[in-house]
Structure formats: C-alpha cells, structure tokens
Amino acid sequence: MNVFGDLLHHEFVKRMNGYRRDLRNVSVHSLLGSTFLTPENVNLPREVDWRKHGLVTPVKNQGI
C-alpha cells in the first residue's frame, strides 16, 4: 500500500497526469513567458557535487 492506494483511477489521473484541460485551446505562444538568453562572461564549473554543499536529501517513500 502507498499514498495513492485509496484513490480511484480518475482521481489518481487527475492528480498525477499533469494534463490541464483548461489549457487545451490556449495557443502555445501565449504560454511562453520569455526567451532564454545565455549569460555572457560567466564561468561555470563543469560539475558540482551537491553532497559537499549539504543539498542532497536521503531517498524517501521507497518502502513497500
């Protein structure tokens, strides 16, 4: 049993599917907020170990 066990199929789909029927007839272009512009003169590291910064949490909700 998990947190979704008491939901009916249509309740689960409504909560987890992500489809928004109210946006069905909305133009895709009207949903775009802005265009991404690559920052100039920024030096980023090739990789980051987030564990060293204490920003990784333990795995959750994996039990049966």
PDB file of N, CA and C in Angstrom:
ATOM      1  N   MET A   1       0.848  -1.172   0.000  1.00  0.00           N
ATOM      2  CA  MET A   1       0.000   0.000   0.000  1.00  0.00           C
ATOM      3  C   MET A   1       0.892   1.232   0.000  1.00  0.00           C
ATOM      4  N   ASN A   2       0.480   2.252  -0.754  1.00  0.00           N
ATOM      5  CA  ASN A   2       1.219   3.515  -0.752  1.00  0.00           C
ATOM      6  C   ASN A   2       0.229   4.672  -0.627  1.00  0.00           C
ATOM      7  N   VAL A   3       0.708   5.892  -0.794  1.00  0.00           N
ATOM      8  CA  VAL A   3      -0.139   7.078  -0.582  1.00  0.00           C
ATOM      9  C   VAL A   3      -1.247   7.210  -1.626  1.00  0.00           C
ATOM     10  N   PHE A   4      -1.178   6.451  -2.717  1.00  0.00           N
ATOM     11  CA  PHE A   4      -2.192   6.535  -3.770  1.00  0.00           C
ATOM     12  C   PHE A   4      -3.204   5.400  -3.699  1.00  0.00           C
ATOM     13  N   GLY A   5      -3.062   4.500  -2.742  1.00  0.00           N
ATOM     14  CA  GLY A   5      -3.886   3.304  -2.665  1.00  0.00           C
ATOM     15  C   GLY A   5      -5.364   3.559  -2.467  1.00  0.00           C
ATOM     16  N   ASP A   6      -5.734   4.669  -1.854  1.00  0.00           N
ATOM     17  CA  ASP A   6      -7.151   4.929  -1.596  1.00  0.00           C
ATOM     18  C   ASP A   6      -7.806   5.788  -2.671  1.00  0.00           C
ATOM     19  N   LEU A   7      -7.068   6.126  -3.734  1.00  0.00           N
ATOM     20  CA  LEU A   7      -7.641   6.940  -4.807  1.00  0.00           C
ATOM     21  C   LEU A   7      -8.285   6.060  -5.873  1.00  0.00           C
ATOM     22  N   LEU A   8      -9.380   6.539  -6.418  1.00  0.00           N
ATOM     23  CA  LEU A   8      -9.964   5.894  -7.589  1.00  0.00           C
ATOM     24  C   LEU A   8      -9.103   6.242  -8.802  1.00  0.00           C
ATOM     25  N   HIS A   9      -9.263   5.487  -9.892  1.00  0.00           N
ATOM     26  CA  HIS A   9      -8.428   5.700 -11.070  1.00  0.00           C
ATOM     27  C   HIS A   9      -8.515   7.140 -11.572  1.00  0.00           C
ATOM     28  N   HIS A  10      -9.723   7.667 -11.692  1.00  0.00           N
ATOM     29  CA  HIS A  10      -9.862   9.024 -12.229  1.00  0.00           C
ATOM     30  C   HIS A  10      -9.286  10.078 -11.276  1.00  0.00           C
ATOM     31  N   GLU A  11      -9.304   9.808  -9.972  1.00  0.00           N
ATOM     32  CA  GLU A  11      -8.703  10.732  -9.012  1.00  0.00           C
ATOM     33  C   GLU A  11      -7.177  10.730  -9.142  1.00  0.00           C
ATOM     34  N   PHE A  12      -6.610   9.541  -9.316  1.00  0.00           N
ATOM     35  CA  PHE A  12      -5.162   9.433  -9.486  1.00  0.00           C
ATOM     36  C   PHE A  12      -4.718  10.148 -10.760  1.00  0.00           C
ATOM     37  N   VAL A  13      -5.435   9.910 -11.858  1.00  0.00           N
ATOM     38  CA  VAL A  13      -5.075  10.538 -13.133  1.00  0.00           C
ATOM     39  C   VAL A  13      -5.175  12.051 -13.033  1.00  0.00           C
ATOM     40  N   LYS A  14      -6.224  12.544 -12.395  1.00  0.00           N
ATOM     41  CA  LYS A  14      -6.390  13.987 -12.261  1.00  0.00           C
ATOM     42  C   LYS A  14      -5.249  14.606 -11.455  1.00  0.00           C
ATOM     43  N   ARG A  15      -4.813  13.907 -10.419  1.00  0.00           N
ATOM     44  CA  ARG A  15      -3.756  14.444  -9.555  1.00  0.00           C
ATOM     45  C   ARG A  15      -2.368  14.301 -10.173  1.00  0.00           C
ATOM     46  N   MET A  16      -2.095  13.202 -10.847  1.00  0.00           N
ATOM     47  CA  MET A  16      -0.727  12.887 -11.254  1.00  0.00           C
ATOM     48  C   MET A  16      -0.439  13.038 -12.748  1.00  0.00           C
ATOM     49  N   ASN A  17      -1.450  13.123 -13.577  1.00  0.00           N
ATOM     50  CA  ASN A  17      -1.221  13.138 -15.014  1.00  0.00           C
ATOM     51  C   ASN A  17      -0.602  14.445 -15.491  1.00  0.00           C
ATOM     52  N   GLY A  18      -0.993  15.561 -14.943  1.00  0.00           N
ATOM     53  CA  GLY A  18      -0.439  16.843 -15.354  1.00  0.00           C
ATOM     54  C   GLY A  18      -1.165  17.483 -16.517  1.00  0.00           C
ATOM     55  N   TYR A  19      -2.076  16.768 -17.155  1.00  0.00           N
ATOM     56  CA  TYR A  19      -2.814  17.353 -18.274  1.00  0.00           C
ATOM     57  C   TYR A  19      -3.810  18.374 -17.758  1.00  0.00           C
ATOM     58  N   ARG A  20      -3.782  19.549 -18.362  1.00  0.00           N
ATOM     59  CA  ARG A  20      -4.701  20.605 -17.948  1.00  0.00           C
ATOM     60  C   ARG A  20      -5.686  20.873 -19.062  1.00  0.00           C
ATOM     61  N   ARG A  21      -6.899  20.389 -18.899  1.00  0.00           N
ATOM     62  CA  ARG A  21      -7.940  20.541 -19.907  1.00  0.00           C
ATOM     63  C   ARG A  21      -8.264  22.018 -20.152  1.00  0.00           C
ATOM     64  N   ASP A  22      -8.104  22.853 -19.113  1.00  0.00           N
ATOM     65  CA  ASP A  22      -8.426  24.272 -19.276  1.00  0.00           C
ATOM     66  C   ASP A  22      -7.446  24.976 -20.212  1.00  0.00           C
ATOM     67  N   LEU A  23      -6.281  24.385 -20.489  1.00  0.00           N
ATOM     68  CA  LEU A  23      -5.311  24.990 -21.404  1.00  0.00           C
ATOM     69  C   LEU A  23      -5.376  24.370 -22.797  1.00  0.00           C
ATOM     70  N   ARG A  24      -6.371  23.552 -23.044  1.00  0.00           N
ATOM     71  CA  ARG A  24      -6.481  22.821 -24.299  1.00  0.00           C
ATOM     72  C   ARG A  24      -6.543  23.738 -25.512  1.00  0.00           C
ATOM     73  N   ASN A  25      -7.264  24.840 -25.435  1.00  0.00           N
ATOM     74  CA  ASN A  25      -7.440  25.720 -26.587  1.00  0.00           C
ATOM     75  C   ASN A  25      -6.565  26.970 -26.535  1.00  0.00           C
ATOM     76  N   VAL A  26      -5.603  27.001 -25.615  1.00  0.00           N
ATOM     77  CA  VAL A  26      -4.720  28.155 -25.492  1.00  0.00           C
ATOM     78  C   VAL A  26      -3.536  27.974 -26.428  1.00  0.00           C
ATOM     79  N   SER A  27      -3.166  29.032 -27.118  1.00  0.00           N
ATOM     80  CA  SER A  27      -2.030  28.987 -28.020  1.00  0.00           C
ATOM     81  C   SER A  27      -0.744  28.744 -27.241  1.00  0.00           C
ATOM     82  N   VAL A  28       0.138  27.920 -27.798  1.00  0.00           N
ATOM     83  CA  VAL A  28       1.407  27.619 -27.147  1.00  0.00           C
ATOM     84  C   VAL A  28       2.234  28.893 -26.993  1.00  0.00           C
ATOM     85  N   HIS A  29       2.176  29.774 -27.973  1.00  0.00           N
ATOM     86  CA  HIS A  29       2.969  31.000 -27.935  1.00  0.00           C
ATOM     87  C   HIS A  29       2.523  31.934 -26.816  1.00  0.00           C
ATOM     88  N   SER A  30       1.266  31.872 -26.435  1.00  0.00           N
ATOM     89  CA  SER A  30       0.808  32.748 -25.365  1.00  0.00           C
ATOM     90  C   SER A  30       1.267  32.245 -23.999  1.00  0.00           C
ATOM     91  N   LEU A  31       1.717  30.973 -23.915  1.00  0.00           N
ATOM     92  CA  LEU A  31       2.185  30.419 -22.649  1.00  0.00           C
ATOM     93  C   LEU A  31       3.671  30.697 -22.409  1.00  0.00           C
ATOM     94  N   LEU A  32       4.388  31.092 -23.461  1.00  0.00           N
ATOM     95  CA  LEU A  32       5.811  31.339 -23.313  1.00  0.00           C
ATOM     96  C   LEU A  32       6.022  32.671 -22.614  1.00  0.00           C
ATOM     97  N   GLY A  33       6.682  32.641 -21.472  1.00  0.00           N
ATOM     98  CA  GLY A  33       6.888  33.859 -20.701  1.00  0.00           C
ATOM     99  C   GLY A  33       7.987  34.723 -21.273  1.00  0.00           C
ATOM    100  N   SER A  34       9.111  34.107 -21.614  1.00  0.00           N
ATOM    101  CA  SER A  34      10.227  34.858 -22.157  1.00  0.00           C
ATOM    102  C   SER A  34      11.174  33.900 -22.863  1.00  0.00           C
ATOM    103  N   THR A  35      12.096  34.448 -23.594  1.00  0.00           N
ATOM    104  CA  THR A  35      13.088  33.661 -24.287  1.00  0.00           C
ATOM    105  C   THR A  35      14.337  33.585 -23.436  1.00  0.00           C
ATOM    106  N   PHE A  36      14.933  32.403 -23.345  1.00  0.00           N
ATOM    107  CA  PHE A  36      16.147  32.249 -22.550  1.00  0.00           C
ATOM    108  C   PHE A  36      17.321  32.869 -23.285  1.00  0.00           C
ATOM    109  N   LEU A  37      18.055  33.716 -22.593  1.00  0.00           N
ATOM    110  CA  LEU A  37      19.262  34.311 -23.140  1.00  0.00           C
ATOM    111  C   LEU A  37      20.449  33.789 -22.345  1.00  0.00           C
ATOM    112  N   THR A  38      21.431  33.247 -23.042  1.00  0.00           N
ATOM    113  CA  THR A  38      22.611  32.729 -22.377  1.00  0.00           C
ATOM    114  C   THR A  38      23.407  33.872 -21.770  1.00  0.00           C
ATOM    115  N   PRO A  39      23.759  33.790 -20.491  1.00  0.00           N
ATOM    116  CA  PRO A  39      24.545  34.857 -19.870  1.00  0.00           C
ATOM    117  C   PRO A  39      25.947  34.924 -20.480  1.00  0.00           C
ATOM    118  N   GLU A  40      26.455  36.126 -20.618  1.00  0.00           N
ATOM    119  CA  GLU A  40      27.798  36.313 -21.141  1.00  0.00           C
ATOM    120  C   GLU A  40      28.765  36.584 -19.990  1.00  0.00           C
ATOM    121  N   ASN A  41      30.027  36.254 -20.199  1.00  0.00           N
ATOM    122  CA  ASN A  41      31.093  36.498 -19.224  1.00  0.00           C
ATOM    123  C   ASN A  41      30.840  35.792 -17.890  1.00  0.00           C
ATOM    124  N   VAL A  42      30.316  34.566 -17.937  1.00  0.00           N
ATOM    125  CA  VAL A  42      30.088  33.787 -16.730  1.00  0.00           C
ATOM    126  C   VAL A  42      30.898  32.500 -16.845  1.00  0.00           C
ATOM    127  N   ASN A  43      31.701  32.223 -15.850  1.00  0.00           N
ATOM    128  CA  ASN A  43      32.487  30.994 -15.833  1.00  0.00           C
ATOM    129  C   ASN A  43      31.854  30.028 -14.833  1.00  0.00           C
ATOM    130  N   LEU A  44      31.280  28.954 -15.343  1.00  0.00           N
ATOM    131  CA  LEU A  44      30.631  27.953 -14.511  1.00  0.00           C
ATOM    132  C   LEU A  44      31.501  26.712 -14.420  1.00  0.00           C
ATOM    133  N   PRO A  45      31.469  26.020 -13.280  1.00  0.00           N
ATOM    134  CA  PRO A  45      32.237  24.774 -13.183  1.00  0.00           C
ATOM    135  C   PRO A  45      31.635  23.692 -14.069  1.00  0.00           C
ATOM    136  N   ARG A  46      32.468  22.750 -14.496  1.00  0.00           N
ATOM    137  CA  ARG A  46      31.983  21.662 -15.353  1.00  0.00           C
ATOM    138  C   ARG A  46      31.052  20.732 -14.577  1.00  0.00           C
ATOM    139  N   GLU A  47      31.266  20.589 -13.277  1.00  0.00           N
ATOM    140  CA  GLU A  47      30.402  19.735 -12.461  1.00  0.00           C
ATOM    141  C   GLU A  47      30.359  20.267 -11.042  1.00  0.00           C
ATOM    142  N   VAL A  48      29.301  19.878 -10.319  1.00  0.00           N
ATOM    143  CA  VAL A  48      29.112  20.286  -8.926  1.00  0.00           C
ATOM    144  C   VAL A  48      28.675  19.063  -8.138  1.00  0.00           C
ATOM    145  N   ASP A  49      29.335  18.801  -7.025  1.00  0.00           N
ATOM    146  CA  ASP A  49      28.936  17.712  -6.136  1.00  0.00           C
ATOM    147  C   ASP A  49      28.058  18.335  -5.040  1.00  0.00           C
ATOM    148  N   TRP A  50      26.745  18.229  -5.201  1.00  0.00           N
ATOM    149  CA  TRP A  50      25.814  18.874  -4.282  1.00  0.00           C
ATOM    150  C   TRP A  50      25.866  18.263  -2.888  1.00  0.00           C
ATOM    151  N   ARG A  51      26.410  17.036  -2.759  1.00  0.00           N
ATOM    152  CA  ARG A  51      26.560  16.414  -1.438  1.00  0.00           C
ATOM    153  C   ARG A  51      27.519  17.210  -0.568  1.00  0.00           C
ATOM    154  N   LYS A  52      28.557  17.777  -1.185  1.00  0.00           N
ATOM    155  CA  LYS A  52      29.535  18.573  -0.435  1.00  0.00           C
ATOM    156  C   LYS A  52      28.918  19.857   0.106  1.00  0.00           C
ATOM    157  N   HIS A  53      27.856  20.321  -0.515  1.00  0.00           N
ATOM    158  CA  HIS A  53      27.176  21.541  -0.078  1.00  0.00           C
ATOM    159  C   HIS A  53      26.006  21.244   0.864  1.00  0.00           C
ATOM    160  N   GLY A  54      25.762  19.949   1.133  1.00  0.00           N
ATOM    161  CA  GLY A  54      24.673  19.560   2.032  1.00  0.00           C
ATOM    162  C   GLY A  54      23.290  19.770   1.440  1.00  0.00           C
ATOM    163  N   LEU A  55      23.177  19.686   0.114  1.00  0.00           N
ATOM    164  CA  LEU A  55      21.893  19.966  -0.538  1.00  0.00           C
ATOM    165  C   LEU A  55      21.220  18.721  -1.103  1.00  0.00           C
ATOM    166  N   VAL A  56      21.667  17.536  -0.709  1.00  0.00           N
ATOM    167  CA  VAL A  56      21.058  16.289  -1.172  1.00  0.00           C
ATOM    168  C   VAL A  56      20.362  15.642   0.019  1.00  0.00           C
ATOM    169  N   THR A  57      19.107  15.289  -0.142  1.00  0.00           N
ATOM    170  CA  THR A  57      18.365  14.644   0.934  1.00  0.00           C
ATOM    171  C   THR A  57      18.360  13.131   0.721  1.00  0.00           C
ATOM    172  N   PRO A  58      18.113  12.364   1.775  1.00  0.00           N
ATOM    173  CA  PRO A  58      18.039  10.910   1.622  1.00  0.00           C
ATOM    174  C   PRO A  58      16.821  10.508   0.778  1.00  0.00           C
ATOM    175  N   VAL A  59      16.868   9.315   0.233  1.00  0.00           N
ATOM    176  CA  VAL A  59      15.757   8.788  -0.562  1.00  0.00           C
ATOM    177  C   VAL A  59      14.545   8.607   0.338  1.00  0.00           C
ATOM    178  N   LYS A  60      13.376   8.973  -0.183  1.00  0.00           N
ATOM    179  CA  LYS A  60      12.140   8.888   0.607  1.00  0.00           C
ATOM    180  C   LYS A  60      11.095   8.040  -0.130  1.00  0.00           C
ATOM    181  N   ASN A  61      10.135   7.508   0.616  1.00  0.00           N
ATOM    182  CA  ASN A  61       8.958   6.818   0.087  1.00  0.00           C
ATOM    183  C   ASN A  61       9.325   5.658  -0.829  1.00  0.00           C
ATOM    184  N   GLN A  62      10.318   4.862  -0.464  1.00  0.00           N
ATOM    185  CA  GLN A  62      10.726   3.733  -1.267  1.00  0.00           C
ATOM    186  C   GLN A  62      10.277   2.392  -0.689  1.00  0.00           C
ATOM    187  N   GLY A  63       9.608   2.423   0.449  1.00  0.00           N
ATOM    188  CA  GLY A  63       9.179   1.185   1.082  1.00  0.00           C
ATOM    189  C   GLY A  63       7.974   0.558   0.417  1.00  0.00           C
ATOM    190  N   ILE A  64       7.777  -0.708   0.679  1.00  0.00           N
ATOM    191  CA  ILE A  64       6.609  -1.411   0.113  1.00  0.00           C
ATOM    192  C   ILE A  64       5.672  -1.761   1.236  1.00  0.00           C
TER     193      ILE A  64
END
